[in-house]
Amino acid sequence: MIIVHHLNNSRSQRILWLLEELGLEYDLKTYQRDPETNLAPPELLKIHQLGKSPMIEDDGRLITESGAIVEYICSRYGAQMVPSADSDDWITHQELMHFAEGSAMTPILLALYVGKLGAAGAPLGPRIEQQLDTHFNYMEAVLRPSGHFVLDDLSAVDIMMSFPAEVAVRQGRGDAHPKLADFVERIHARPGFVRALERGGSYAFA
């Protein structure tokens, strides 16, 4: 059975959601952020030297990195959530899977860390804001009329793109990005997402 090492208020919520959508059984090991620093607890360092979540264990193998975990789960248990490898949609799938944790997360994390600097970080503010707008505008543009990113039903890319989309809405950008806001509202209403919240506990982005 899959074991999920889940950190509260983190991107590992996506992994719980994916497992619930696929109807897979899993064991959940939950970790809480430090209430003062918001950092992951040292217990995660005992599992992997980076001390990050999500991590899963399956058949005795520890797997880290959100994108790799989603790809692994889909390849073994949810092939229907990935386009056919000989299709153009598969290329888009590859692009957006990497975009979600690469391009999109860079300005999001910069805004988080630079924001903690107060006045010292102010000179970087306009550039970070411009990059946030650029990336959220791109996400808004590539959403299909069906409300999904690649296939016209839930796919691995929707799972991965959910977190940056949630960040956009949480930052108050929903009015400027109505398709993203609608995407977030619809995924939060999915029974699988609701079940994932019940298993994982409180989640600041829902």
N, C-alpha and C. Protein backbone atom coordinates (compact mmCIF):
# COMPACT_ATOMS: atom_id res chain seq x y z
N MET A 1 0.84 -1.20 0.00
CA MET A 1 0.00 0.00 0.00
C MET A 1 0.88 1.25 0.00
N ILE A 2 0.45 2.26 -0.72
CA ILE A 2 1.18 3.52 -0.79
C ILE A 2 1.15 4.22 0.57
N ILE A 3 2.28 4.74 0.98
CA ILE A 3 2.38 5.58 2.18
C ILE A 3 2.68 7.00 1.73
N VAL A 4 1.90 7.95 2.20
CA VAL A 4 2.10 9.36 1.86
C VAL A 4 2.60 10.10 3.09
N HIS A 5 3.74 10.77 2.94
CA HIS A 5 4.26 11.65 3.98
C HIS A 5 3.75 13.05 3.65
N HIS A 6 2.77 13.48 4.42
CA HIS A 6 1.98 14.67 4.09
C HIS A 6 2.24 15.79 5.09
N LEU A 7 2.60 16.95 4.57
CA LEU A 7 2.81 18.15 5.39
C LEU A 7 1.60 19.06 5.24
N ASN A 8 1.10 19.56 6.36
CA ASN A 8 -0.08 20.44 6.29
C ASN A 8 0.22 21.70 5.47
N ASN A 9 -0.80 22.20 4.81
CA ASN A 9 -0.69 23.43 4.01
C ASN A 9 0.49 23.37 3.04
N SER A 10 0.55 22.29 2.31
CA SER A 10 1.65 22.15 1.34
C SER A 10 1.14 21.55 0.05
N ARG A 11 2.05 21.47 -0.91
CA ARG A 11 1.71 20.92 -2.21
C ARG A 11 1.42 19.43 -2.16
N SER A 12 1.69 18.80 -1.03
CA SER A 12 1.38 17.37 -0.94
C SER A 12 -0.13 17.13 -0.92
N GLN A 13 -0.93 18.18 -0.70
CA GLN A 13 -2.38 18.02 -0.78
C GLN A 13 -2.78 17.49 -2.15
N ARG A 14 -2.02 17.87 -3.18
CA ARG A 14 -2.32 17.39 -4.54
C ARG A 14 -2.22 15.87 -4.64
N ILE A 15 -1.26 15.30 -3.90
CA ILE A 15 -1.06 13.86 -3.97
C ILE A 15 -2.24 13.13 -3.34
N LEU A 16 -2.72 13.64 -2.21
CA LEU A 16 -3.91 13.05 -1.60
C LEU A 16 -5.09 13.13 -2.56
N TRP A 17 -5.24 14.28 -3.20
CA TRP A 17 -6.34 14.46 -4.14
C TRP A 17 -6.25 13.45 -5.29
N LEU A 18 -5.05 13.29 -5.85
CA LEU A 18 -4.88 12.33 -6.95
C LEU A 18 -5.24 10.92 -6.50
N LEU A 19 -4.77 10.52 -5.34
CA LEU A 19 -5.06 9.17 -4.85
C LEU A 19 -6.55 8.97 -4.62
N GLU A 20 -7.22 10.00 -4.12
CA GLU A 20 -8.67 9.90 -3.93
C GLU A 20 -9.40 9.82 -5.25
N GLU A 21 -8.96 10.59 -6.24
CA GLU A 21 -9.61 10.54 -7.55
C GLU A 21 -9.47 9.15 -8.18
N LEU A 22 -8.34 8.50 -7.93
CA LEU A 22 -8.10 7.18 -8.50
C LEU A 22 -8.68 6.06 -7.64
N GLY A 23 -9.20 6.42 -6.48
CA GLY A 23 -9.79 5.41 -5.61
C GLY A 23 -8.78 4.45 -5.02
N LEU A 24 -7.56 4.91 -4.81
CA LEU A 24 -6.50 4.06 -4.29
C LEU A 24 -6.45 4.12 -2.77
N GLU A 25 -6.16 3.00 -2.16
CA GLU A 25 -5.96 2.98 -0.72
C GLU A 25 -4.54 3.45 -0.41
N TYR A 26 -4.40 4.17 0.70
CA TYR A 26 -3.07 4.65 1.10
C TYR A 26 -3.05 4.89 2.60
N ASP A 27 -1.86 4.78 3.15
CA ASP A 27 -1.63 5.15 4.54
C ASP A 27 -1.12 6.58 4.58
N LEU A 28 -1.54 7.32 5.57
CA LEU A 28 -1.18 8.73 5.67
C LEU A 28 -0.36 8.98 6.92
N LYS A 29 0.82 9.56 6.72
CA LYS A 29 1.64 10.00 7.84
C LYS A 29 1.71 11.52 7.75
N THR A 30 1.13 12.19 8.74
CA THR A 30 0.95 13.64 8.69
C THR A 30 1.98 14.35 9.56
N TYR A 31 2.49 15.46 9.04
CA TYR A 31 3.47 16.29 9.74
C TYR A 31 2.95 17.72 9.78
N GLN A 32 3.25 18.43 10.85
CA GLN A 32 2.77 19.80 11.02
C GLN A 32 3.92 20.79 10.92
N ARG A 33 3.67 21.89 10.24
CA ARG A 33 4.66 22.96 10.16
C ARG A 33 4.90 23.59 11.53
N ASP A 34 6.09 24.12 11.73
CA ASP A 34 6.38 24.87 12.95
C ASP A 34 5.49 26.12 12.95
N PRO A 35 4.73 26.36 14.02
CA PRO A 35 3.80 27.49 14.02
C PRO A 35 4.48 28.85 13.95
N GLU A 36 5.76 28.94 14.31
CA GLU A 36 6.47 30.22 14.27
C GLU A 36 7.23 30.42 12.97
N THR A 37 7.94 29.40 12.52
CA THR A 37 8.76 29.54 11.31
C THR A 37 8.03 29.12 10.04
N ASN A 38 6.95 28.35 10.18
CA ASN A 38 6.20 27.77 9.07
C ASN A 38 7.01 26.72 8.30
N LEU A 39 8.13 26.29 8.87
CA LEU A 39 8.97 25.30 8.22
C LEU A 39 8.50 23.89 8.57
N ALA A 40 8.91 22.94 7.71
CA ALA A 40 8.59 21.54 7.97
C ALA A 40 9.34 21.06 9.20
N PRO A 41 8.79 20.09 9.92
CA PRO A 41 9.45 19.60 11.13
C PRO A 41 10.67 18.75 10.81
N PRO A 42 11.60 18.63 11.76
CA PRO A 42 12.82 17.84 11.52
C PRO A 42 12.55 16.36 11.29
N GLU A 43 11.36 15.89 11.68
CA GLU A 43 11.05 14.48 11.47
C GLU A 43 11.14 14.07 10.00
N LEU A 44 10.85 15.02 9.10
CA LEU A 44 10.93 14.69 7.67
C LEU A 44 12.36 14.45 7.23
N LEU A 45 13.33 15.04 7.93
CA LEU A 45 14.74 14.82 7.59
C LEU A 45 15.16 13.38 7.86
N LYS A 46 14.45 12.70 8.72
CA LYS A 46 14.78 11.31 9.01
C LYS A 46 14.39 10.39 7.85
N ILE A 47 13.50 10.91 6.98
CA ILE A 47 13.03 10.12 5.85
C ILE A 47 13.83 10.42 4.59
N HIS A 48 14.15 11.70 4.40
CA HIS A 48 14.93 12.12 3.23
C HIS A 48 15.74 13.35 3.60
N GLN A 49 16.94 13.45 3.09
CA GLN A 49 17.85 14.50 3.53
C GLN A 49 17.40 15.90 3.18
N LEU A 50 16.47 16.04 2.23
CA LEU A 50 15.93 17.37 1.92
C LEU A 50 14.84 17.78 2.91
N GLY A 51 14.26 16.81 3.59
CA GLY A 51 13.25 17.12 4.60
C GLY A 51 12.01 17.78 4.05
N LYS A 52 11.60 17.40 2.84
CA LYS A 52 10.47 18.05 2.18
C LYS A 52 9.31 17.09 2.01
N SER A 53 8.14 17.64 1.82
CA SER A 53 6.94 16.89 1.50
C SER A 53 6.37 17.50 0.22
N PRO A 54 5.76 16.70 -0.67
CA PRO A 54 5.35 15.31 -0.46
C PRO A 54 6.47 14.31 -0.72
N MET A 55 6.32 13.19 -0.08
CA MET A 55 7.08 11.99 -0.36
C MET A 55 6.12 10.83 -0.25
N ILE A 56 6.33 9.83 -1.08
CA ILE A 56 5.53 8.62 -0.95
C ILE A 56 6.47 7.41 -0.91
N GLU A 57 5.96 6.34 -0.36
CA GLU A 57 6.64 5.05 -0.42
C GLU A 57 5.69 4.07 -1.07
N ASP A 58 6.23 3.30 -2.02
CA ASP A 58 5.44 2.28 -2.69
C ASP A 58 6.35 1.11 -3.03
N ASP A 59 5.95 -0.07 -2.64
CA ASP A 59 6.76 -1.27 -2.85
C ASP A 59 8.18 -1.09 -2.32
N GLY A 60 8.30 -0.40 -1.18
CA GLY A 60 9.59 -0.22 -0.55
C GLY A 60 10.46 0.86 -1.16
N ARG A 61 9.92 1.59 -2.14
CA ARG A 61 10.69 2.64 -2.82
C ARG A 61 10.20 4.00 -2.38
N LEU A 62 11.11 4.85 -1.90
CA LEU A 62 10.77 6.23 -1.55
C LEU A 62 10.84 7.08 -2.81
N ILE A 63 9.80 7.88 -3.03
CA ILE A 63 9.74 8.74 -4.22
C ILE A 63 9.47 10.16 -3.76
N THR A 64 10.28 11.10 -4.25
CA THR A 64 10.14 12.50 -3.89
C THR A 64 9.85 13.33 -5.13
N GLU A 65 9.53 14.61 -4.91
CA GLU A 65 9.22 15.61 -5.94
C GLU A 65 7.80 15.39 -6.49
N SER A 66 7.00 16.43 -6.37
CA SER A 66 5.57 16.34 -6.73
C SER A 66 5.34 15.81 -8.14
N GLY A 67 6.04 16.38 -9.11
CA GLY A 67 5.83 15.96 -10.49
C GLY A 67 6.17 14.50 -10.70
N ALA A 68 7.29 14.07 -10.13
CA ALA A 68 7.69 12.67 -10.26
C ALA A 68 6.69 11.75 -9.59
N ILE A 69 6.17 12.17 -8.45
CA ILE A 69 5.18 11.35 -7.74
C ILE A 69 3.90 11.21 -8.56
N VAL A 70 3.42 12.33 -9.10
CA VAL A 70 2.20 12.28 -9.91
C VAL A 70 2.41 11.41 -11.14
N GLU A 71 3.55 11.57 -11.82
CA GLU A 71 3.85 10.76 -13.00
C GLU A 71 3.91 9.27 -12.63
N TYR A 72 4.55 8.98 -11.51
CA TYR A 72 4.68 7.58 -11.08
C TYR A 72 3.31 6.97 -10.79
N ILE A 73 2.50 7.67 -10.02
CA ILE A 73 1.18 7.14 -9.66
C ILE A 73 0.33 6.92 -10.92
N CYS A 74 0.37 7.90 -11.81
CA CYS A 74 -0.44 7.77 -13.04
C CYS A 74 0.07 6.64 -13.93
N SER A 75 1.38 6.46 -14.01
CA SER A 75 1.92 5.41 -14.87
C SER A 75 1.55 4.03 -14.36
N ARG A 76 1.43 3.87 -13.03
CA ARG A 76 1.13 2.56 -12.46
C ARG A 76 -0.35 2.32 -12.22
N TYR A 77 -1.07 3.40 -11.92
CA TYR A 77 -2.45 3.21 -11.45
C TYR A 77 -3.48 4.09 -12.16
N GLY A 78 -3.04 5.03 -12.99
CA GLY A 78 -4.00 5.97 -13.57
C GLY A 78 -3.61 6.44 -14.95
N ALA A 79 -3.38 5.50 -15.87
CA ALA A 79 -2.92 5.86 -17.21
C ALA A 79 -3.92 6.75 -17.93
N GLN A 80 -5.21 6.68 -17.53
CA GLN A 80 -6.23 7.49 -18.19
C GLN A 80 -6.05 8.98 -17.94
N MET A 81 -5.20 9.35 -17.00
CA MET A 81 -5.00 10.75 -16.66
C MET A 81 -3.83 11.38 -17.41
N VAL A 82 -3.26 10.63 -18.34
CA VAL A 82 -2.14 11.12 -19.15
C VAL A 82 -2.47 10.89 -20.62
N PRO A 83 -2.27 11.89 -21.50
CA PRO A 83 -2.57 11.70 -22.92
C PRO A 83 -1.70 10.61 -23.53
N SER A 84 -2.16 10.08 -24.63
CA SER A 84 -1.38 9.09 -25.38
C SER A 84 -0.04 9.69 -25.79
N ALA A 85 1.01 8.90 -25.66
CA ALA A 85 2.37 9.39 -25.92
C ALA A 85 2.60 9.78 -27.37
N ASP A 86 1.74 9.34 -28.27
CA ASP A 86 1.92 9.70 -29.68
C ASP A 86 1.03 10.87 -30.10
N SER A 87 0.48 11.59 -29.11
CA SER A 87 -0.42 12.71 -29.41
C SER A 87 0.25 14.05 -29.12
N ASP A 88 -0.28 15.08 -29.75
CA ASP A 88 0.20 16.43 -29.47
C ASP A 88 -0.13 16.84 -28.04
N ASP A 89 -1.24 16.34 -27.51
CA ASP A 89 -1.61 16.65 -26.13
C ASP A 89 -0.54 16.17 -25.14
N TRP A 90 0.15 15.08 -25.49
CA TRP A 90 1.19 14.57 -24.59
C TRP A 90 2.33 15.58 -24.47
N ILE A 91 2.66 16.27 -25.57
CA ILE A 91 3.70 17.30 -25.51
C ILE A 91 3.26 18.43 -24.60
N THR A 92 2.01 18.86 -24.73
CA THR A 92 1.48 19.90 -23.85
C THR A 92 1.49 19.41 -22.40
N HIS A 93 1.13 18.16 -22.21
CA HIS A 93 1.18 17.55 -20.87
C HIS A 93 2.58 17.69 -20.28
N GLN A 94 3.59 17.34 -21.05
CA GLN A 94 4.97 17.43 -20.57
C GLN A 94 5.35 18.87 -20.22
N GLU A 95 4.98 19.79 -21.09
CA GLU A 95 5.30 21.20 -20.86
C GLU A 95 4.69 21.69 -19.55
N LEU A 96 3.41 21.41 -19.36
CA LEU A 96 2.71 21.96 -18.20
C LEU A 96 3.05 21.23 -16.91
N MET A 97 3.37 19.95 -16.98
CA MET A 97 3.83 19.25 -15.79
C MET A 97 5.08 19.90 -15.23
N HIS A 98 5.99 20.28 -16.12
CA HIS A 98 7.23 20.94 -15.68
C HIS A 98 7.00 22.40 -15.33
N PHE A 99 6.10 23.05 -16.06
CA PHE A 99 5.77 24.45 -15.77
C PHE A 99 5.26 24.60 -14.34
N ALA A 100 4.43 23.67 -13.90
CA ALA A 100 3.76 23.81 -12.60
C ALA A 100 4.75 23.92 -11.45
N GLU A 101 5.82 23.14 -11.48
CA GLU A 101 6.81 23.18 -10.40
C GLU A 101 8.05 23.98 -10.75
N GLY A 102 8.21 24.33 -12.03
CA GLY A 102 9.38 25.09 -12.45
C GLY A 102 9.04 26.56 -12.62
N SER A 103 8.56 26.93 -13.78
CA SER A 103 8.30 28.34 -14.08
C SER A 103 7.30 28.97 -13.12
N ALA A 104 6.19 28.30 -12.85
CA ALA A 104 5.13 28.91 -12.05
C ALA A 104 5.54 29.13 -10.60
N MET A 105 6.25 28.16 -10.02
CA MET A 105 6.58 28.26 -8.61
C MET A 105 7.71 29.25 -8.33
N THR A 106 8.52 29.59 -9.32
CA THR A 106 9.64 30.50 -9.07
C THR A 106 9.19 31.86 -8.56
N PRO A 107 8.31 32.59 -9.28
CA PRO A 107 7.88 33.89 -8.73
C PRO A 107 7.01 33.76 -7.48
N ILE A 108 6.27 32.64 -7.36
CA ILE A 108 5.46 32.44 -6.15
C ILE A 108 6.36 32.35 -4.93
N LEU A 109 7.42 31.58 -5.02
CA LEU A 109 8.33 31.43 -3.89
C LEU A 109 9.13 32.71 -3.65
N LEU A 110 9.52 33.39 -4.72
CA LEU A 110 10.22 34.66 -4.56
C LEU A 110 9.35 35.66 -3.81
N ALA A 111 8.07 35.73 -4.17
CA ALA A 111 7.17 36.66 -3.49
C ALA A 111 7.07 36.31 -2.01
N LEU A 112 7.02 35.01 -1.71
CA LEU A 112 6.92 34.57 -0.32
C LEU A 112 8.16 34.97 0.48
N TYR A 113 9.33 34.66 -0.05
CA TYR A 113 10.56 34.91 0.71
C TYR A 113 10.93 36.39 0.74
N VAL A 114 10.81 37.06 -0.40
CA VAL A 114 11.16 38.48 -0.44
C VAL A 114 10.19 39.29 0.41
N GLY A 115 8.93 38.85 0.46
CA GLY A 115 7.95 39.55 1.29
C GLY A 115 8.31 39.57 2.75
N LYS A 116 9.08 38.58 3.19
CA LYS A 116 9.50 38.53 4.59
C LYS A 116 10.61 39.53 4.91
N LEU A 117 11.19 40.12 3.86
CA LEU A 117 12.27 41.09 4.06
C LEU A 117 11.76 42.49 4.34
N GLY A 118 10.48 42.72 4.14
CA GLY A 118 9.92 44.05 4.37
C GLY A 118 10.49 45.07 3.40
N ALA A 119 10.88 46.21 3.94
CA ALA A 119 11.39 47.31 3.11
C ALA A 119 12.63 46.91 2.34
N ALA A 120 13.43 46.00 2.90
CA ALA A 120 14.66 45.59 2.23
C ALA A 120 14.38 44.87 0.91
N GLY A 121 13.22 44.21 0.82
CA GLY A 121 12.88 43.50 -0.40
C GLY A 121 12.06 44.31 -1.39
N ALA A 122 11.69 45.53 -1.01
CA ALA A 122 10.80 46.34 -1.85
C ALA A 122 11.31 46.56 -3.27
N PRO A 123 12.63 46.76 -3.49
CA PRO A 123 13.09 46.98 -4.87
C PRO A 123 12.78 45.82 -5.82
N LEU A 124 12.65 44.62 -5.27
CA LEU A 124 12.36 43.47 -6.11
C LEU A 124 10.87 43.30 -6.38
N GLY A 125 10.04 44.00 -5.62
CA GLY A 125 8.60 43.83 -5.71
C GLY A 125 8.03 43.98 -7.10
N PRO A 126 8.33 45.07 -7.83
CA PRO A 126 7.73 45.25 -9.16
C PRO A 126 8.09 44.13 -10.13
N ARG A 127 9.34 43.67 -10.09
CA ARG A 127 9.75 42.60 -11.00
C ARG A 127 9.04 41.28 -10.66
N ILE A 128 8.93 40.98 -9.38
CA ILE A 128 8.24 39.76 -8.98
C ILE A 128 6.77 39.84 -9.36
N GLU A 129 6.17 40.98 -9.14
CA GLU A 129 4.75 41.16 -9.50
C GLU A 129 4.54 40.99 -11.00
N GLN A 130 5.46 41.52 -11.79
CA GLN A 130 5.36 41.36 -13.24
C GLN A 130 5.43 39.90 -13.64
N GLN A 131 6.32 39.15 -12.98
CA GLN A 131 6.46 37.73 -13.29
C GLN A 131 5.24 36.93 -12.84
N LEU A 132 4.68 37.28 -11.71
CA LEU A 132 3.44 36.62 -11.28
C LEU A 132 2.33 36.85 -12.30
N ASP A 133 2.18 38.10 -12.73
CA ASP A 133 1.15 38.40 -13.73
C ASP A 133 1.39 37.60 -15.01
N THR A 134 2.64 37.55 -15.46
CA THR A 134 2.97 36.84 -16.69
C THR A 134 2.59 35.37 -16.60
N HIS A 135 2.93 34.74 -15.50
CA HIS A 135 2.68 33.31 -15.37
C HIS A 135 1.20 32.99 -15.14
N PHE A 136 0.53 33.81 -14.36
CA PHE A 136 -0.91 33.58 -14.16
C PHE A 136 -1.69 33.89 -15.43
N ASN A 137 -1.27 34.90 -16.19
CA ASN A 137 -1.91 35.18 -17.47
C ASN A 137 -1.76 34.00 -18.43
N TYR A 138 -0.59 33.39 -18.43
CA TYR A 138 -0.35 32.23 -19.28
C TYR A 138 -1.26 31.08 -18.88
N MET A 139 -1.38 30.83 -17.59
CA MET A 139 -2.27 29.77 -17.13
C MET A 139 -3.71 30.03 -17.53
N GLU A 140 -4.13 31.27 -17.40
CA GLU A 140 -5.48 31.65 -17.82
C GLU A 140 -5.69 31.38 -19.30
N ALA A 141 -4.65 31.65 -20.10
CA ALA A 141 -4.77 31.52 -21.56
C ALA A 141 -4.81 30.07 -22.01
N VAL A 142 -4.10 29.19 -21.31
CA VAL A 142 -4.02 27.80 -21.80
C VAL A 142 -5.14 26.91 -21.27
N LEU A 143 -5.95 27.39 -20.34
CA LEU A 143 -7.11 26.61 -19.92
C LEU A 143 -8.06 26.41 -21.10
N ARG A 144 -8.48 25.18 -21.31
CA ARG A 144 -9.35 24.86 -22.43
C ARG A 144 -10.80 25.26 -22.13
N PRO A 145 -11.65 25.35 -23.14
CA PRO A 145 -13.06 25.66 -22.91
C PRO A 145 -13.73 24.70 -21.94
N SER A 146 -13.21 23.48 -21.87
CA SER A 146 -13.77 22.49 -20.95
C SER A 146 -13.44 22.80 -19.50
N GLY A 147 -12.51 23.73 -19.28
CA GLY A 147 -12.09 24.06 -17.93
C GLY A 147 -10.93 23.22 -17.44
N HIS A 148 -10.30 22.45 -18.34
CA HIS A 148 -9.13 21.64 -18.00
C HIS A 148 -7.92 22.13 -18.80
N PHE A 149 -6.75 21.69 -18.37
CA PHE A 149 -5.53 22.20 -18.99
C PHE A 149 -5.07 21.41 -20.20
N VAL A 150 -5.32 20.10 -20.23
CA VAL A 150 -4.85 19.30 -21.36
C VAL A 150 -6.01 18.50 -21.95
N LEU A 151 -6.44 17.49 -21.25
CA LEU A 151 -7.58 16.71 -21.71
C LEU A 151 -8.87 17.45 -21.35
N ASP A 152 -9.99 16.99 -21.88
CA ASP A 152 -11.28 17.60 -21.54
C ASP A 152 -11.93 16.89 -20.36
N ASP A 153 -11.09 16.25 -19.57
CA ASP A 153 -11.50 15.67 -18.30
C ASP A 153 -10.29 15.80 -17.38
N LEU A 154 -10.45 15.42 -16.13
CA LEU A 154 -9.36 15.59 -15.18
C LEU A 154 -8.12 14.83 -15.63
N SER A 155 -6.98 15.51 -15.58
CA SER A 155 -5.72 14.89 -15.97
C SER A 155 -4.65 15.18 -14.92
N ALA A 156 -3.51 14.54 -15.09
CA ALA A 156 -2.37 14.76 -14.20
C ALA A 156 -1.97 16.23 -14.17
N VAL A 157 -2.10 16.90 -15.31
CA VAL A 157 -1.73 18.32 -15.36
C VAL A 157 -2.66 19.16 -14.49
N ASP A 158 -3.94 18.84 -14.48
CA ASP A 158 -4.87 19.57 -13.60
C ASP A 158 -4.44 19.41 -12.14
N ILE A 159 -4.02 18.21 -11.78
CA ILE A 159 -3.55 17.98 -10.42
C ILE A 159 -2.36 18.88 -10.11
N MET A 160 -1.39 18.90 -11.01
CA MET A 160 -0.18 19.69 -10.77
C MET A 160 -0.44 21.19 -10.82
N MET A 161 -1.30 21.62 -11.71
CA MET A 161 -1.55 23.06 -11.87
C MET A 161 -2.48 23.60 -10.80
N SER A 162 -3.08 22.72 -10.01
CA SER A 162 -4.04 23.18 -9.02
C SER A 162 -3.39 24.11 -8.00
N PHE A 163 -2.17 23.81 -7.57
CA PHE A 163 -1.58 24.63 -6.51
C PHE A 163 -1.28 26.06 -6.98
N PRO A 164 -0.56 26.27 -8.11
CA PRO A 164 -0.38 27.66 -8.53
C PRO A 164 -1.70 28.37 -8.82
N ALA A 165 -2.70 27.65 -9.29
CA ALA A 165 -4.01 28.27 -9.51
C ALA A 165 -4.63 28.69 -8.18
N GLU A 166 -4.49 27.85 -7.16
CA GLU A 166 -4.99 28.20 -5.83
C GLU A 166 -4.27 29.42 -5.28
N VAL A 167 -2.98 29.50 -5.52
CA VAL A 167 -2.21 30.66 -5.06
C VAL A 167 -2.73 31.93 -5.72
N ALA A 168 -2.99 31.87 -7.03
CA ALA A 168 -3.49 33.04 -7.75
C ALA A 168 -4.79 33.54 -7.12
N VAL A 169 -5.69 32.62 -6.82
CA VAL A 169 -6.97 33.01 -6.23
C VAL A 169 -6.76 33.53 -4.82
N ARG A 170 -5.91 32.88 -4.05
CA ARG A 170 -5.65 33.31 -2.68
C ARG A 170 -5.03 34.71 -2.64
N GLN A 171 -4.26 35.05 -3.66
CA GLN A 171 -3.67 36.38 -3.75
C GLN A 171 -4.66 37.44 -4.22
N GLY A 172 -5.89 37.06 -4.45
CA GLY A 172 -6.90 38.02 -4.87
C GLY A 172 -6.91 38.31 -6.35
N ARG A 173 -6.39 37.38 -7.16
CA ARG A 173 -6.30 37.60 -8.61
C ARG A 173 -7.43 36.93 -9.38
N GLY A 174 -8.43 36.44 -8.67
CA GLY A 174 -9.51 35.74 -9.33
C GLY A 174 -10.31 36.61 -10.29
N ASP A 175 -10.54 37.87 -9.93
CA ASP A 175 -11.29 38.75 -10.82
C ASP A 175 -10.56 38.98 -12.14
N ALA A 176 -9.26 39.07 -12.07
CA ALA A 176 -8.45 39.28 -13.28
C ALA A 176 -8.23 37.99 -14.05
N HIS A 177 -8.47 36.86 -13.40
CA HIS A 177 -8.25 35.56 -14.03
C HIS A 177 -9.49 34.68 -13.76
N PRO A 178 -10.61 35.00 -14.38
CA PRO A 178 -11.87 34.30 -14.06
C PRO A 178 -11.84 32.81 -14.40
N LYS A 179 -11.11 32.43 -15.44
CA LYS A 179 -11.04 31.01 -15.78
C LYS A 179 -10.28 30.23 -14.71
N LEU A 180 -9.22 30.82 -14.19
CA LEU A 180 -8.50 30.18 -13.09
C LEU A 180 -9.38 30.09 -11.85
N ALA A 181 -10.09 31.15 -11.55
CA ALA A 181 -10.98 31.15 -10.39
C ALA A 181 -12.05 30.06 -10.53
N ASP A 182 -12.59 29.91 -11.73
CA ASP A 182 -13.60 28.88 -11.97
C ASP A 182 -12.99 27.49 -11.84
N PHE A 183 -11.78 27.33 -12.36
CA PHE A 183 -11.07 26.05 -12.24
C PHE A 183 -10.91 25.66 -10.78
N VAL A 184 -10.46 26.61 -9.95
CA VAL A 184 -10.25 26.33 -8.53
C VAL A 184 -11.58 25.99 -7.84
N GLU A 185 -12.61 26.74 -8.16
CA GLU A 185 -13.92 26.48 -7.54
C GLU A 185 -14.41 25.09 -7.89
N ARG A 186 -14.23 24.70 -9.14
CA ARG A 186 -14.74 23.39 -9.58
C ARG A 186 -13.93 22.25 -8.98
N ILE A 187 -12.61 22.38 -8.91
CA ILE A 187 -11.84 21.27 -8.36
C ILE A 187 -12.10 21.13 -6.86
N HIS A 188 -12.31 22.25 -6.18
CA HIS A 188 -12.59 22.18 -4.74
C HIS A 188 -13.94 21.52 -4.47
N ALA A 189 -14.81 21.53 -5.45
CA ALA A 189 -16.13 20.91 -5.27
C ALA A 189 -16.14 19.43 -5.63
N ARG A 190 -15.07 18.93 -6.21
CA ARG A 190 -15.03 17.53 -6.60
C ARG A 190 -15.05 16.63 -5.36
N PRO A 191 -15.81 15.55 -5.37
CA PRO A 191 -15.84 14.65 -4.22
C PRO A 191 -14.46 14.14 -3.82
N GLY A 192 -13.60 13.89 -4.82
CA GLY A 192 -12.26 13.42 -4.51
C GLY A 192 -11.45 14.45 -3.76
N PHE A 193 -11.61 15.71 -4.11
CA PHE A 193 -10.89 16.78 -3.42
C PHE A 193 -11.42 16.91 -2.00
N VAL A 194 -12.72 16.83 -1.83
CA VAL A 194 -13.32 16.92 -0.49
C VAL A 194 -12.83 15.78 0.39
N ARG A 195 -12.76 14.59 -0.17
CA ARG A 195 -12.26 13.45 0.61
C ARG A 195 -10.80 13.65 0.99
N ALA A 196 -10.01 14.23 0.08
CA ALA A 196 -8.60 14.49 0.36
C ALA A 196 -8.45 15.48 1.52
N LEU A 197 -9.32 16.48 1.56
CA LEU A 197 -9.30 17.44 2.67
C LEU A 197 -9.66 16.76 3.98
N GLU A 198 -10.61 15.85 3.93
CA GLU A 198 -11.01 15.13 5.13
C GLU A 198 -9.86 14.28 5.67
N ARG A 199 -9.08 13.69 4.75
CA ARG A 199 -7.95 12.87 5.17
C ARG A 199 -6.77 13.73 5.62
N GLY A 200 -6.48 14.78 4.86
CA GLY A 200 -5.28 15.56 5.11
C GLY A 200 -5.39 16.63 6.17
N GLY A 201 -6.60 17.03 6.51
CA GLY A 201 -6.78 18.08 7.50
C GLY A 201 -6.85 19.46 6.88
N SER A 202 -6.83 20.47 7.73
CA SER A 202 -7.02 21.84 7.26
C SER A 202 -6.00 22.21 6.19
N TYR A 203 -6.46 23.01 5.24
CA TYR A 203 -5.65 23.37 4.07
C TYR A 203 -5.96 24.84 3.75
N ALA A 204 -4.96 25.68 3.87
CA ALA A 204 -5.17 27.13 3.78
C ALA A 204 -5.60 27.59 2.39
N PHE A 205 -5.41 26.75 1.37
CA PHE A 205 -5.69 27.19 0.00
C PHE A 205 -7.05 26.73 -0.50
N ALA A 206 -7.80 26.05 0.36
CA ALA A 206 -9.13 25.57 -0.06
C ALA A 206 -10.22 26.53 0.43
